Amino acid sequence: FALHFEDEVQMAIYHTKLISGSWTKEDAIELQLV
């Protein structure tokens, strides 16, 4: 999940429970597929 509010984004993912990251400026997110 990419949760958007105004110009910020919070990443969230469900794995046994909902796990959320911190709010970050949208243009600062660089996810790596490792």
Full PDB file with SEQRES, HELIX, SHEET, SSBOND, CRYST1, ORIGX, SCALE, CONECT and MASTER records, all heavy atoms in Angstrom:
SEQRES   1 A   34  PHE ALA LEU HIS PHE GLU ASP GLU VAL GLN MET ALA ILE          
SEQRES   2 A   34  TYR HIS THR LYS LEU ILE SER GLY SER TRP THR LYS GLU          
SEQRES   3 A   34  ASP ALA ILE GLU LEU GLN LEU VAL                              
HELIX    1 AA1 GLU A   26  ALA A   28  5                                   3    
SHEET    1 AA1 3 ALA A   2  PHE A   5  0                                        
SHEET    2 AA1 3 GLU A   8  TYR A  14 -1                                        
SHEET    3 AA1 3 LEU A  18  SER A  20 -1                                        
SHEET    1 AA2 2 GLU A   8  TYR A  14  0                                        
SHEET    2 AA2 2 THR A  24  LYS A  25 -1                                        
CRYST1    1.000    1.000    1.000  90.00  90.00  90.00 P 1           1          
ORIGX1      1.000000  0.000000  0.000000        0.00000                         
ORIGX2      0.000000  1.000000  0.000000        0.00000                         
ORIGX3      0.000000  0.000000  1.000000        0.00000                         
SCALE1      1.000000  0.000000  0.000000        0.00000                         
SCALE2      0.000000  1.000000  0.000000        0.00000                         
SCALE3      0.000000  0.000000  1.000000        0.00000                         
ATOM      1  N   PHE A   1       0.822  -1.201   0.000  1.00  0.00           N  
ATOM      2  CA  PHE A   1       0.000   0.000   0.000  1.00  0.00           C  
ATOM      3  C   PHE A   1       0.863   1.260   0.000  1.00  0.00           C  
ATOM      4  O   PHE A   1       1.814   1.358   0.774  1.00  0.00           O  
ATOM      5  CB  PHE A   1      -0.915   0.040   1.225  1.00  0.00           C  
ATOM      6  CG  PHE A   1      -1.932  -1.059   1.272  1.00  0.00           C  
ATOM      7  CD1 PHE A   1      -1.729  -2.181   2.055  1.00  0.00           C  
ATOM      8  CD2 PHE A   1      -3.101  -0.978   0.536  1.00  0.00           C  
ATOM      9  CE1 PHE A   1      -2.657  -3.205   2.109  1.00  0.00           C  
ATOM     10  CE2 PHE A   1      -4.044  -1.996   0.581  1.00  0.00           C  
ATOM     11  CZ  PHE A   1      -3.823  -3.111   1.364  1.00  0.00           C  
ATOM     12  N   ALA A   2       0.506   2.199  -0.854  1.00  0.00           N  
ATOM     13  CA  ALA A   2       1.109   3.530  -0.837  1.00  0.00           C  
ATOM     14  C   ALA A   2       0.004   4.484  -0.385  1.00  0.00           C  
ATOM     15  O   ALA A   2      -0.890   4.834  -1.166  1.00  0.00           O  
ATOM     16  CB  ALA A   2       1.629   3.915  -2.215  1.00  0.00           C  
ATOM     17  N   LEU A   3       0.021   4.841   0.886  1.00  0.00           N  
ATOM     18  CA  LEU A   3      -1.027   5.677   1.467  1.00  0.00           C  
ATOM     19  C   LEU A   3      -0.668   7.153   1.297  1.00  0.00           C  
ATOM     20  O   LEU A   3       0.348   7.606   1.822  1.00  0.00           O  
ATOM     21  CB  LEU A   3      -1.202   5.329   2.944  1.00  0.00           C  
ATOM     22  CG  LEU A   3      -1.395   3.830   3.253  1.00  0.00           C  
ATOM     23  CD1 LEU A   3      -1.442   3.597   4.759  1.00  0.00           C  
ATOM     24  CD2 LEU A   3      -2.646   3.298   2.592  1.00  0.00           C  
ATOM     25  N   HIS A   4      -1.482   7.864   0.560  1.00  0.00           N  
ATOM     26  CA  HIS A   4      -1.205   9.261   0.233  1.00  0.00           C  
ATOM     27  C   HIS A   4      -2.079  10.192   1.065  1.00  0.00           C  
ATOM     28  O   HIS A   4      -3.292   9.998   1.171  1.00  0.00           O  
ATOM     29  CB  HIS A   4      -1.483   9.536  -1.247  1.00  0.00           C  
ATOM     30  CG  HIS A   4      -0.520   8.892  -2.181  1.00  0.00           C  
ATOM     31  ND1 HIS A   4       0.460   9.588  -2.863  1.00  0.00           N  
ATOM     32  CD2 HIS A   4      -0.374   7.601  -2.554  1.00  0.00           C  
ATOM     33  CE1 HIS A   4       1.150   8.753  -3.611  1.00  0.00           C  
ATOM     34  NE2 HIS A   4       0.668   7.540  -3.437  1.00  0.00           N  
ATOM     35  N   PHE A   5      -1.439  11.202   1.621  1.00  0.00           N  
ATOM     36  CA  PHE A   5      -2.179  12.310   2.224  1.00  0.00           C  
ATOM     37  C   PHE A   5      -1.431  13.589   1.896  1.00  0.00           C  
ATOM     38  O   PHE A   5      -0.278  13.767   2.298  1.00  0.00           O  
ATOM     39  CB  PHE A   5      -2.319  12.153   3.742  1.00  0.00           C  
ATOM     40  CG  PHE A   5      -3.106  13.281   4.369  1.00  0.00           C  
ATOM     41  CD1 PHE A   5      -4.481  13.348   4.211  1.00  0.00           C  
ATOM     42  CD2 PHE A   5      -2.472  14.292   5.072  1.00  0.00           C  
ATOM     43  CE1 PHE A   5      -5.216  14.392   4.757  1.00  0.00           C  
ATOM     44  CE2 PHE A   5      -3.182  15.340   5.620  1.00  0.00           C  
ATOM     45  CZ  PHE A   5      -4.565  15.390   5.464  1.00  0.00           C  
ATOM     46  N   GLU A   6      -2.083  14.445   1.125  1.00  0.00           N  
ATOM     47  CA  GLU A   6      -1.467  15.679   0.625  1.00  0.00           C  
ATOM     48  C   GLU A   6      -0.180  15.322  -0.129  1.00  0.00           C  
ATOM     49  O   GLU A   6      -0.231  14.540  -1.070  1.00  0.00           O  
ATOM     50  CB  GLU A   6      -1.263  16.680   1.763  1.00  0.00           C  
ATOM     51  CG  GLU A   6      -2.599  17.120   2.365  1.00  0.00           C  
ATOM     52  CD  GLU A   6      -2.467  18.114   3.497  1.00  0.00           C  
ATOM     53  OE1 GLU A   6      -1.336  18.345   3.980  1.00  0.00           O  
ATOM     54  OE2 GLU A   6      -3.504  18.687   3.889  1.00  0.00           O  
ATOM     55  N   ASP A   7       0.985  15.836   0.289  1.00  0.00           N  
ATOM     56  CA  ASP A   7       2.209  15.563  -0.474  1.00  0.00           C  
ATOM     57  C   ASP A   7       3.102  14.529   0.193  1.00  0.00           C  
ATOM     58  O   ASP A   7       4.276  14.402  -0.132  1.00  0.00           O  
ATOM     59  CB  ASP A   7       2.999  16.859  -0.691  1.00  0.00           C  
ATOM     60  CG  ASP A   7       3.501  17.461   0.617  1.00  0.00           C  
ATOM     61  OD1 ASP A   7       2.944  17.111   1.682  1.00  0.00           O  
ATOM     62  OD2 ASP A   7       4.433  18.276   0.582  1.00  0.00           O  
ATOM     63  N   GLU A   8       2.532  13.755   1.127  1.00  0.00           N  
ATOM     64  CA  GLU A   8       3.313  12.726   1.808  1.00  0.00           C  
ATOM     65  C   GLU A   8       2.736  11.338   1.560  1.00  0.00           C  
ATOM     66  O   GLU A   8       1.548  11.185   1.250  1.00  0.00           O  
ATOM     67  CB  GLU A   8       3.380  13.010   3.310  1.00  0.00           C  
ATOM     68  CG  GLU A   8       4.214  14.231   3.652  1.00  0.00           C  
ATOM     69  CD  GLU A   8       4.501  14.334   5.136  1.00  0.00           C  
ATOM     70  OE1 GLU A   8       3.604  14.020   5.938  1.00  0.00           O  
ATOM     71  OE2 GLU A   8       5.628  14.731   5.487  1.00  0.00           O  
ATOM     72  N   VAL A   9       3.606  10.344   1.719  1.00  0.00           N  
ATOM     73  CA  VAL A   9       3.214   8.948   1.509  1.00  0.00           C  
ATOM     74  C   VAL A   9       3.692   8.095   2.679  1.00  0.00           C  
ATOM     75  O   VAL A   9       4.803   8.283   3.181  1.00  0.00           O  
ATOM     76  CB  VAL A   9       3.822   8.389   0.193  1.00  0.00           C  
ATOM     77  CG1 VAL A   9       3.471   6.907   0.028  1.00  0.00           C  
ATOM     78  CG2 VAL A   9       3.332   9.173  -1.006  1.00  0.00           C  
ATOM     79  N   GLN A  10       2.862   7.176   3.076  1.00  0.00           N  
ATOM     80  CA  GLN A  10       3.240   6.176   4.078  1.00  0.00           C  
ATOM     81  C   GLN A  10       3.082   4.801   3.427  1.00  0.00           C  
ATOM     82  O   GLN A  10       2.006   4.469   2.927  1.00  0.00           O  
ATOM     83  CB  GLN A  10       2.357   6.256   5.320  1.00  0.00           C  
ATOM     84  CG  GLN A  10       2.752   5.253   6.402  1.00  0.00           C  
ATOM     85  CD  GLN A  10       1.772   5.246   7.566  1.00  0.00           C  
ATOM     86  OE1 GLN A  10       0.572   5.086   7.373  1.00  0.00           O  
ATOM     87  NE2 GLN A  10       2.285   5.443   8.775  1.00  0.00           N  
ATOM     88  N   MET A  11       4.155   4.027   3.421  1.00  0.00           N  
ATOM     89  CA  MET A  11       4.077   2.682   2.880  1.00  0.00           C  
ATOM     90  C   MET A  11       3.537   1.745   3.963  1.00  0.00           C  
ATOM     91  O   MET A  11       3.869   1.888   5.141  1.00  0.00           O  
ATOM     92  CB  MET A  11       5.443   2.196   2.410  1.00  0.00           C  
ATOM     93  CG  MET A  11       6.090   3.062   1.336  1.00  0.00           C  
ATOM     94  SD  MET A  11       5.030   3.373  -0.096  1.00  0.00           S  
ATOM     95  CE  MET A  11       4.721   1.682  -0.659  1.00  0.00           C  
ATOM     96  N   ALA A  12       2.706   0.801   3.542  1.00  0.00           N  
ATOM     97  CA  ALA A  12       2.152  -0.180   4.485  1.00  0.00           C  
ATOM     98  C   ALA A  12       2.055  -1.529   3.775  1.00  0.00           C  
ATOM     99  O   ALA A  12       1.888  -1.592   2.554  1.00  0.00           O  
ATOM    100  CB  ALA A  12       0.784   0.266   4.985  1.00  0.00           C  
ATOM    101  N   ILE A  13       2.179  -2.579   4.558  1.00  0.00           N  
ATOM    102  CA  ILE A  13       2.173  -3.926   3.990  1.00  0.00           C  
ATOM    103  C   ILE A  13       1.608  -4.871   5.044  1.00  0.00           C  
ATOM    104  O   ILE A  13       1.831  -4.677   6.241  1.00  0.00           O  
ATOM    105  CB  ILE A  13       3.608  -4.321   3.575  1.00  0.00           C  
ATOM    106  CG1 ILE A  13       3.625  -5.508   2.621  1.00  0.00           C  
ATOM    107  CG2 ILE A  13       4.501  -4.541   4.771  1.00  0.00           C  
ATOM    108  CD1 ILE A  13       4.968  -5.682   1.906  1.00  0.00           C  
ATOM    109  N   TYR A  14       0.842  -5.878   4.613  1.00  0.00           N  
ATOM    110  CA  TYR A  14       0.228  -6.803   5.568  1.00  0.00           C  
ATOM    111  C   TYR A  14       0.946  -8.141   5.535  1.00  0.00           C  
ATOM    112  O   TYR A  14       0.961  -8.832   4.522  1.00  0.00           O  
ATOM    113  CB  TYR A  14      -1.261  -7.005   5.240  1.00  0.00           C  
ATOM    114  CG  TYR A  14      -1.999  -7.740   6.340  1.00  0.00           C  
ATOM    115  CD1 TYR A  14      -2.631  -7.036   7.355  1.00  0.00           C  
ATOM    116  CD2 TYR A  14      -2.045  -9.124   6.369  1.00  0.00           C  
ATOM    117  CE1 TYR A  14      -3.298  -7.701   8.380  1.00  0.00           C  
ATOM    118  CE2 TYR A  14      -2.706  -9.800   7.392  1.00  0.00           C  
ATOM    119  CZ  TYR A  14      -3.334  -9.091   8.382  1.00  0.00           C  
ATOM    120  OH  TYR A  14      -3.983  -9.740   9.398  1.00  0.00           O  
ATOM    121  N   HIS A  15       1.544  -8.484   6.692  1.00  0.00           N  
ATOM    122  CA  HIS A  15       2.212  -9.781   6.827  1.00  0.00           C  
ATOM    123  C   HIS A  15       2.023 -10.239   8.268  1.00  0.00           C  
ATOM    124  O   HIS A  15       2.745  -9.805   9.167  1.00  0.00           O  
ATOM    125  CB  HIS A  15       3.709  -9.666   6.498  1.00  0.00           C  
ATOM    126  CG  HIS A  15       4.395 -10.992   6.370  1.00  0.00           C  
ATOM    127  ND1 HIS A  15       4.372 -11.729   5.216  1.00  0.00           N  
ATOM    128  CD2 HIS A  15       5.102 -11.725   7.274  1.00  0.00           C  
ATOM    129  CE1 HIS A  15       5.059 -12.859   5.392  1.00  0.00           C  
ATOM    130  NE2 HIS A  15       5.505 -12.879   6.642  1.00  0.00           N  
ATOM    131  N   THR A  16       1.002 -11.027   8.492  1.00  0.00           N  
ATOM    132  CA  THR A  16       0.497 -11.451   9.801  1.00  0.00           C  
ATOM    133  C   THR A  16      -0.168 -10.293  10.563  1.00  0.00           C  
ATOM    134  O   THR A  16      -0.968 -10.515  11.461  1.00  0.00           O  
ATOM    135  CB  THR A  16       1.563 -12.089  10.720  1.00  0.00           C  
ATOM    136  OG1 THR A  16       2.492 -11.092  11.171  1.00  0.00           O  
ATOM    137  CG2 THR A  16       2.327 -13.192  10.001  1.00  0.00           C  
ATOM    138  N   LYS A  17       0.172  -9.080  10.207  1.00  0.00           N  
ATOM    139  CA  LYS A  17      -0.414  -7.864  10.778  1.00  0.00           C  
ATOM    140  C   LYS A  17      -0.090  -6.709   9.830  1.00  0.00           C  
ATOM    141  O   LYS A  17       0.732  -6.858   8.926  1.00  0.00           O  
ATOM    142  CB  LYS A  17       0.171  -7.569  12.164  1.00  0.00           C  
ATOM    143  CG  LYS A  17       1.681  -7.421  12.155  1.00  0.00           C  
ATOM    144  CD  LYS A  17       2.246  -7.024  13.512  1.00  0.00           C  
ATOM    145  CE  LYS A  17       2.144  -5.538  13.715  1.00  0.00           C  
ATOM    146  NZ  LYS A  17       2.846  -5.069  14.923  1.00  0.00           N  
ATOM    147  N   LEU A  18      -0.744  -5.581  10.006  1.00  0.00           N  
ATOM    148  CA  LEU A  18      -0.429  -4.431   9.170  1.00  0.00           C  
ATOM    149  C   LEU A  18       0.833  -3.763   9.689  1.00  0.00           C  
ATOM    150  O   LEU A  18       0.928  -3.400  10.859  1.00  0.00           O  
ATOM    151  CB  LEU A  18      -1.583  -3.422   9.160  1.00  0.00           C  
ATOM    152  CG  LEU A  18      -1.413  -2.278   8.163  1.00  0.00           C  
ATOM    153  CD1 LEU A  18      -1.507  -2.800   6.724  1.00  0.00           C  
ATOM    154  CD2 LEU A  18      -2.463  -1.190   8.388  1.00  0.00           C  
ATOM    155  N   ILE A  19       1.803  -3.613   8.801  1.00  0.00           N  
ATOM    156  CA  ILE A  19       3.086  -3.005   9.142  1.00  0.00           C  
ATOM    157  C   ILE A  19       3.215  -1.703   8.353  1.00  0.00           C  
ATOM    158  O   ILE A  19       3.067  -1.703   7.122  1.00  0.00           O  
ATOM    159  CB  ILE A  19       4.241  -3.961   8.800  1.00  0.00           C  
ATOM    160  CG1 ILE A  19       4.126  -5.231   9.660  1.00  0.00           C  
ATOM    161  CG2 ILE A  19       5.590  -3.297   9.005  1.00  0.00           C  
ATOM    162  CD1 ILE A  19       5.019  -6.357   9.222  1.00  0.00           C  
ATOM    163  N   SER A  20       3.465  -0.614   9.048  1.00  0.00           N  
ATOM    164  CA  SER A  20       3.520   0.698   8.400  1.00  0.00           C  
ATOM    165  C   SER A  20       4.869   1.364   8.590  1.00  0.00           C  
ATOM    166  O   SER A  20       5.507   1.210   9.631  1.00  0.00           O  
ATOM    167  CB  SER A  20       2.423   1.614   8.966  1.00  0.00           C  
ATOM    168  OG  SER A  20       1.160   1.011   8.852  1.00  0.00           O  
ATOM    169  N   GLY A  21       5.274   2.123   7.571  1.00  0.00           N  
ATOM    170  CA  GLY A  21       6.493   2.907   7.659  1.00  0.00           C  
ATOM    171  C   GLY A  21       6.160   4.313   8.151  1.00  0.00           C  
ATOM    172  O   GLY A  21       5.049   4.576   8.600  1.00  0.00           O  
ATOM    173  N   SER A  22       7.109   5.208   8.055  1.00  0.00           N  
ATOM    174  CA  SER A  22       6.886   6.588   8.479  1.00  0.00           C  
ATOM    175  C   SER A  22       6.401   7.416   7.292  1.00  0.00           C  
ATOM    176  O   SER A  22       6.601   7.045   6.134  1.00  0.00           O  
ATOM    177  CB  SER A  22       8.177   7.180   9.051  1.00  0.00           C  
ATOM    178  OG  SER A  22       9.226   7.084   8.095  1.00  0.00           O  
ATOM    179  N   TRP A  23       5.782   8.538   7.589  1.00  0.00           N  
ATOM    180  CA  TRP A  23       5.335   9.443   6.531  1.00  0.00           C  
ATOM    181  C   TRP A  23       6.551  10.104   5.892  1.00  0.00           C  
ATOM    182  O   TRP A  23       7.444  10.566   6.588  1.00  0.00           O  
ATOM    183  CB  TRP A  23       4.396  10.506   7.096  1.00  0.00           C  
ATOM    184  CG  TRP A  23       3.031   9.977   7.427  1.00  0.00           C  
ATOM    185  CD1 TRP A  23       2.568   9.607   8.651  1.00  0.00           C  
ATOM    186  CD2 TRP A  23       1.969   9.744   6.514  1.00  0.00           C  
ATOM    187  NE1 TRP A  23       1.282   9.159   8.562  1.00  0.00           N  
ATOM    188  CE2 TRP A  23       0.874   9.238   7.258  1.00  0.00           C  
ATOM    189  CE3 TRP A  23       1.815   9.925   5.133  1.00  0.00           C  
ATOM    190  CZ2 TRP A  23      -0.338   8.902   6.672  1.00  0.00           C  
ATOM    191  CZ3 TRP A  23       0.600   9.590   4.547  1.00  0.00           C  
ATOM    192  CH2 TRP A  23      -0.454   9.086   5.304  1.00  0.00           C  
ATOM    193  N   THR A  24       6.567  10.114   4.567  1.00  0.00           N  
ATOM    194  CA  THR A  24       7.710  10.633   3.811  1.00  0.00           C  
ATOM    195  C   THR A  24       7.219  11.438   2.621  1.00  0.00           C  
ATOM    196  O   THR A  24       6.149  11.159   2.077  1.00  0.00           O  
ATOM    197  CB  THR A  24       8.581   9.458   3.282  1.00  0.00           C  
ATOM    198  OG1 THR A  24       8.870   8.573   4.368  1.00  0.00           O  
ATOM    199  CG2 THR A  24       9.890   9.958   2.704  1.00  0.00           C  
ATOM    200  N   LYS A  25       7.997  12.425   2.233  1.00  0.00           N  
ATOM    201  CA  LYS A  25       7.662  13.173   1.026  1.00  0.00           C  
ATOM    202  C   LYS A  25       7.613  12.214  -0.167  1.00  0.00           C  
ATOM    203  O   LYS A  25       8.474  11.346  -0.297  1.00  0.00           O  
ATOM    204  CB  LYS A  25       8.688  14.281   0.761  1.00  0.00           C  
ATOM    205  CG  LYS A  25       8.686  15.406   1.783  1.00  0.00           C  
ATOM    206  CD  LYS A  25       7.389  16.198   1.727  1.00  0.00           C  
ATOM    207  CE  LYS A  25       7.408  17.372   2.724  1.00  0.00           C  
ATOM    208  NZ  LYS A  25       6.139  18.132   2.718  1.00  0.00           N  
ATOM    209  N   GLU A  26       6.609  12.381  -0.996  1.00  0.00           N  
ATOM    210  CA  GLU A  26       6.380  11.434  -2.090  1.00  0.00           C  
ATOM    211  C   GLU A  26       7.594  11.254  -2.987  1.00  0.00           C  
ATOM    212  O   GLU A  26       7.925  10.137  -3.384  1.00  0.00           O  
ATOM    213  CB  GLU A  26       5.184  11.902  -2.922  1.00  0.00           C  
ATOM    214  CG  GLU A  26       4.753  10.926  -3.984  1.00  0.00           C  
ATOM    215  CD  GLU A  26       3.457  11.321  -4.644  1.00  0.00           C  
ATOM    216  OE1 GLU A  26       2.842  12.318  -4.234  1.00  0.00           O  
ATOM    217  OE2 GLU A  26       3.055  10.620  -5.595  1.00  0.00           O  
ATOM    218  N   ASP A  27       8.281  12.348  -3.305  1.00  0.00           N  
ATOM    219  CA  ASP A  27       9.410  12.250  -4.239  1.00  0.00           C  
ATOM    220  C   ASP A  27      10.675  11.699  -3.587  1.00  0.00           C  
ATOM    221  O   ASP A  27      11.705  11.526  -4.239  1.00  0.00           O  
ATOM    222  CB  ASP A  27       9.692  13.600  -4.891  1.00  0.00           C  
ATOM    223  CG  ASP A  27       9.970  14.707  -3.877  1.00  0.00           C  
ATOM    224  OD1 ASP A  27      10.033  14.400  -2.663  1.00  0.00           O  
ATOM    225  OD2 ASP A  27      10.121  15.870  -4.286  1.00  0.00           O  
ATOM    226  N   ALA A  28      10.617  11.398  -2.276  1.00  0.00           N  
ATOM    227  CA  ALA A  28      11.800  10.885  -1.574  1.00  0.00           C  
ATOM    228  C   ALA A  28      11.792   9.363  -1.447  1.00  0.00           C  
ATOM    229  O   ALA A  28      12.755   8.775  -0.981  1.00  0.00           O  
ATOM    230  CB  ALA A  28      11.899  11.513  -0.187  1.00  0.00           C  
ATOM    231  N   ILE A  29      10.706   8.720  -1.873  1.00  0.00           N  
ATOM    232  CA  ILE A  29      10.603   7.265  -1.722  1.00  0.00           C  
ATOM    233  C   ILE A  29      11.233   6.553  -2.907  1.00  0.00           C  
ATOM    234  O   ILE A  29      10.912   6.824  -4.061  1.00  0.00           O  
ATOM    235  CB  ILE A  29       9.133   6.832  -1.574  1.00  0.00           C  
ATOM    236  CG1 ILE A  29       8.558   7.380  -0.272  1.00  0.00           C  
ATOM    237  CG2 ILE A  29       9.030   5.303  -1.589  1.00  0.00           C  
ATOM    238  CD1 ILE A  29       7.131   6.987  -0.013  1.00  0.00           C  
ATOM    239  N   GLU A  30      12.147   5.645  -2.614  1.00  0.00           N  
ATOM    240  CA  GLU A  30      12.814   4.828  -3.640  1.00  0.00           C  
ATOM    241  C   GLU A  30      12.830   3.381  -3.146  1.00  0.00           C  
ATOM    242  O   GLU A  30      13.739   2.968  -2.443  1.00  0.00           O  
ATOM    243  CB  GLU A  30      14.249   5.334  -3.881  1.00  0.00           C  
ATOM    244  CG  GLU A  30      14.341   6.653  -4.633  1.00  0.00           C  
ATOM    245  CD  GLU A  30      14.020   6.509  -6.117  1.00  0.00           C  
ATOM    246  OE1 GLU A  30      14.157   5.389  -6.656  1.00  0.00           O  
ATOM    247  OE2 GLU A  30      13.620   7.520  -6.735  1.00  0.00           O  
ATOM    248  N   LEU A  31      11.820   2.635  -3.506  1.00  0.00           N  
ATOM    249  CA  LEU A  31      11.757   1.241  -3.078  1.00  0.00           C  
ATOM    250  C   LEU A  31      12.681   0.381  -3.920  1.00  0.00           C  
ATOM    251  O   LEU A  31      12.753   0.535  -5.135  1.00  0.00           O  
ATOM    252  CB  LEU A  31      10.322   0.711  -3.202  1.00  0.00           C  
ATOM    253  CG  LEU A  31       9.297   1.245  -2.200  1.00  0.00           C  
ATOM    254  CD1 LEU A  31       7.930   0.638  -2.499  1.00  0.00           C  
ATOM    255  CD2 LEU A  31       9.702   0.927  -0.763  1.00  0.00           C  
ATOM    256  N   GLN A  32      13.361  -0.546  -3.269  1.00  0.00           N  
ATOM    257  CA  GLN A  32      14.250  -1.466  -3.962  1.00  0.00           C  
ATOM    258  C   GLN A  32      13.643  -2.867  -3.929  1.00  0.00           C  
ATOM    259  O   GLN A  32      13.188  -3.329  -2.880  1.00  0.00           O  
ATOM    260  CB  GLN A  32      15.627  -1.484  -3.287  1.00  0.00           C  
ATOM    261  CG  GLN A  32      16.334  -0.143  -3.249  1.00  0.00           C  
ATOM    262  CD  GLN A  32      16.724   0.357  -4.637  1.00  0.00           C  
ATOM    263  OE1 GLN A  32      17.137  -0.435  -5.487  1.00  0.00           O  
ATOM    264  NE2 GLN A  32      16.573   1.642  -4.868  1.00  0.00           N  
ATOM    265  N   LEU A  33      13.630  -3.515  -5.091  1.00  0.00           N  
ATOM    266  CA  LEU A  33      13.153  -4.893  -5.162  1.00  0.00           C  
ATOM    267  C   LEU A  33      14.370  -5.811  -5.010  1.00  0.00           C  
ATOM    268  O   LEU A  33      15.105  -6.026  -5.967  1.00  0.00           O  
ATOM    269  CB  LEU A  33      12.429  -5.151  -6.483  1.00  0.00           C  
ATOM    270  CG  LEU A  33      11.214  -4.244  -6.758  1.00  0.00           C  
ATOM    271  CD1 LEU A  33      10.564  -4.626  -8.083  1.00  0.00           C  
ATOM    272  CD2 LEU A  33      10.206  -4.316  -5.615  1.00  0.00           C  
ATOM    273  N   VAL A  34      14.556  -6.322  -3.809  1.00  0.00           N  
ATOM    274  CA  VAL A  34      15.741  -7.124  -3.500  1.00  0.00           C  
ATOM    275  C   VAL A  34      15.357  -8.596  -3.440  1.00  0.00           C  
ATOM    276  O   VAL A  34      14.504  -9.002  -2.639  1.00  0.00           O  
ATOM    277  CB  VAL A  34      16.369  -6.694  -2.163  1.00  0.00           C  
ATOM    278  CG1 VAL A  34      17.596  -7.535  -1.854  1.00  0.00           C  
ATOM    279  CG2 VAL A  34      16.713  -5.208  -2.192  1.00  0.00           C  
TER     280      VAL A  34                                                      
MASTER        0    0    0    1    5    0    0    6  279    1    0    3          
END                                                                             
